[in-house]
Amino acid sequence: MADKKNNEDKYGALFVPAGVLTGVGVGFLINNIAAGTMIGLGVGFVIFATITVVKKK
C-alpha cells in the first residue's frame, strides 16, 4: 500500500521539470538556451526544497 507521505512529495517534485521548461522558454527569448535551462533548473530545485521544508513544519 502506498504511503501518504510519498504521494504528497510528488507535487513538490513537479517544480523541477516545470522550472527546466520555463528556463528553456526564457533561453529562447534571450538567445541562450543553455543558460536559461540551468537557471530554470536551479529555480525548480529551490522551489522544491522550499516546499519540502514548509510541509515538514
N, C-alpha and C. Protein backbone atom coordinates (compact mmCIF):
# COMPACT_ATOMS: atom_id res chain seq x y z
N MET A 1 0.83 -1.18 0.00
CA MET A 1 0.00 0.00 0.00
C MET A 1 0.88 1.25 0.00
N ALA A 2 0.51 2.23 -0.80
CA ALA A 2 1.31 3.44 -0.94
C ALA A 2 1.23 4.29 0.32
N ASP A 3 2.36 4.83 0.70
CA ASP A 3 2.42 5.70 1.86
C ASP A 3 1.91 7.09 1.48
N LYS A 4 1.11 7.71 2.34
CA LYS A 4 0.54 9.03 2.03
C LYS A 4 1.63 10.09 1.91
N LYS A 5 2.68 10.00 2.69
CA LYS A 5 3.77 10.98 2.64
C LYS A 5 4.42 10.98 1.26
N ASN A 6 4.61 9.82 0.66
CA ASN A 6 5.23 9.75 -0.66
C ASN A 6 4.35 10.40 -1.72
N ASN A 7 3.05 10.28 -1.60
CA ASN A 7 2.16 10.91 -2.57
C ASN A 7 2.20 12.42 -2.46
N GLU A 8 2.37 12.96 -1.26
CA GLU A 8 2.45 14.40 -1.09
C GLU A 8 3.74 14.96 -1.67
N ASP A 9 4.83 14.22 -1.62
CA ASP A 9 6.10 14.70 -2.13
C ASP A 9 6.12 14.82 -3.65
N LYS A 10 5.24 14.10 -4.34
CA LYS A 10 5.22 14.15 -5.80
C LYS A 10 4.86 15.52 -6.32
N TYR A 11 4.01 16.25 -5.61
CA TYR A 11 3.58 17.55 -6.10
C TYR A 11 4.71 18.57 -6.06
N GLY A 12 5.53 18.54 -5.05
CA GLY A 12 6.67 19.44 -4.98
C GLY A 12 7.70 19.14 -6.05
N ALA A 13 7.86 17.87 -6.39
CA ALA A 13 8.84 17.47 -7.39
C ALA A 13 8.46 17.93 -8.80
N LEU A 14 7.22 18.29 -9.01
CA LEU A 14 6.79 18.76 -10.32
C LEU A 14 7.40 20.12 -10.67
N PHE A 15 7.91 20.84 -9.68
CA PHE A 15 8.50 22.15 -9.96
C PHE A 15 9.85 22.04 -10.65
N VAL A 16 10.54 20.91 -10.53
CA VAL A 16 11.84 20.75 -11.18
C VAL A 16 11.68 20.72 -12.71
N PRO A 17 10.87 19.82 -13.28
CA PRO A 17 10.72 19.86 -14.74
C PRO A 17 10.01 21.12 -15.22
N ALA A 18 9.11 21.67 -14.40
CA ALA A 18 8.45 22.92 -14.79
C ALA A 18 9.47 24.05 -14.86
N GLY A 19 10.41 24.07 -13.93
CA GLY A 19 11.47 25.08 -13.96
C GLY A 19 12.36 24.94 -15.18
N VAL A 20 12.67 23.69 -15.54
CA VAL A 20 13.51 23.46 -16.72
C VAL A 20 12.80 23.94 -17.98
N LEU A 21 11.54 23.59 -18.12
CA LEU A 21 10.79 24.00 -19.32
C LEU A 21 10.63 25.51 -19.38
N THR A 22 10.39 26.13 -18.25
CA THR A 22 10.31 27.59 -18.22
C THR A 22 11.66 28.20 -18.57
N GLY A 23 12.73 27.61 -18.07
CA GLY A 23 14.07 28.09 -18.38
C GLY A 23 14.41 27.97 -19.85
N VAL A 24 13.97 26.89 -20.49
CA VAL A 24 14.19 26.73 -21.93
C VAL A 24 13.47 27.85 -22.68
N GLY A 25 12.24 28.15 -22.25
CA GLY A 25 11.49 29.24 -22.89
C GLY A 25 12.19 30.57 -22.73
N VAL A 26 12.70 30.84 -21.52
CA VAL A 26 13.44 32.08 -21.29
C VAL A 26 14.73 32.08 -22.10
N GLY A 27 15.35 30.91 -22.22
CA GLY A 27 16.57 30.80 -23.02
C GLY A 27 16.34 31.15 -24.48
N PHE A 28 15.20 30.76 -25.02
CA PHE A 28 14.87 31.15 -26.38
C PHE A 28 14.73 32.66 -26.49
N LEU A 29 14.14 33.27 -25.48
CA LEU A 29 13.95 34.73 -25.52
C LEU A 29 15.26 35.49 -25.45
N ILE A 30 16.21 35.00 -24.67
CA ILE A 30 17.49 35.70 -24.52
C ILE A 30 18.56 35.14 -25.45
N ASN A 31 18.18 34.21 -26.32
CA ASN A 31 19.09 33.59 -27.29
C ASN A 31 20.24 32.84 -26.64
N ASN A 32 19.99 32.23 -25.48
CA ASN A 32 20.99 31.40 -24.80
C ASN A 32 20.23 30.29 -24.07
N ILE A 33 19.96 29.22 -24.80
CA ILE A 33 19.12 28.15 -24.27
C ILE A 33 19.79 27.43 -23.10
N ALA A 34 21.08 27.22 -23.17
CA ALA A 34 21.78 26.50 -22.10
C ALA A 34 21.71 27.28 -20.78
N ALA A 35 21.94 28.58 -20.84
CA ALA A 35 21.89 29.38 -19.62
C ALA A 35 20.47 29.41 -19.05
N GLY A 36 19.48 29.55 -19.91
CA GLY A 36 18.10 29.56 -19.46
C GLY A 36 17.71 28.24 -18.81
N THR A 37 18.18 27.14 -19.37
CA THR A 37 17.88 25.82 -18.81
C THR A 37 18.50 25.66 -17.43
N MET A 38 19.74 26.08 -17.27
CA MET A 38 20.40 25.96 -15.97
C MET A 38 19.73 26.86 -14.93
N ILE A 39 19.34 28.05 -15.32
CA ILE A 39 18.64 28.95 -14.39
C ILE A 39 17.30 28.33 -13.99
N GLY A 40 16.56 27.81 -14.96
CA GLY A 40 15.27 27.18 -14.67
C GLY A 40 15.42 25.96 -13.78
N LEU A 41 16.47 25.17 -13.99
CA LEU A 41 16.72 24.01 -13.15
C LEU A 41 17.01 24.43 -11.71
N GLY A 42 17.82 25.46 -11.55
CA GLY A 42 18.13 25.97 -10.21
C GLY A 42 16.89 26.50 -9.51
N VAL A 43 16.07 27.25 -10.23
CA VAL A 43 14.84 27.79 -9.64
C VAL A 43 13.90 26.65 -9.26
N GLY A 44 13.80 25.64 -10.10
CA GLY A 44 12.94 24.49 -9.79
C GLY A 44 13.37 23.77 -8.53
N PHE A 45 14.67 23.58 -8.36
CA PHE A 45 15.17 22.92 -7.15
C PHE A 45 14.97 23.78 -5.91
N VAL A 46 15.13 25.09 -6.04
CA VAL A 46 14.92 25.98 -4.90
C VAL A 46 13.46 25.94 -4.46
N ILE A 47 12.53 25.98 -5.41
CA ILE A 47 11.11 25.92 -5.07
C ILE A 47 10.76 24.56 -4.45
N PHE A 48 11.31 23.48 -5.02
CA PHE A 48 11.08 22.14 -4.48
C PHE A 48 11.57 22.04 -3.04
N ALA A 49 12.76 22.54 -2.77
CA ALA A 49 13.31 22.49 -1.42
C ALA A 49 12.49 23.34 -0.47
N THR A 50 12.05 24.50 -0.92
CA THR A 50 11.24 25.38 -0.08
C THR A 50 9.92 24.71 0.30
N ILE A 51 9.27 24.10 -0.67
CA ILE A 51 8.00 23.42 -0.41
C ILE A 51 8.21 22.26 0.55
N THR A 52 9.29 21.53 0.39
CA THR A 52 9.57 20.38 1.26
C THR A 52 9.78 20.84 2.70
N VAL A 53 10.52 21.93 2.88
CA VAL A 53 10.79 22.44 4.23
C VAL A 53 9.50 22.97 4.86
N VAL A 54 8.69 23.68 4.10
CA VAL A 54 7.46 24.25 4.64
C VAL A 54 6.47 23.15 5.01
N LYS A 55 6.40 22.08 4.22
CA LYS A 55 5.48 20.98 4.51
C LYS A 55 5.85 20.25 5.79
N LYS A 56 7.13 20.16 6.10
CA LYS A 56 7.57 19.39 7.26
C LYS A 56 7.30 20.10 8.58
N LYS A 57 7.03 21.40 8.54
CA LYS A 57 6.78 22.15 9.78
C LYS A 57 5.38 21.99 10.25
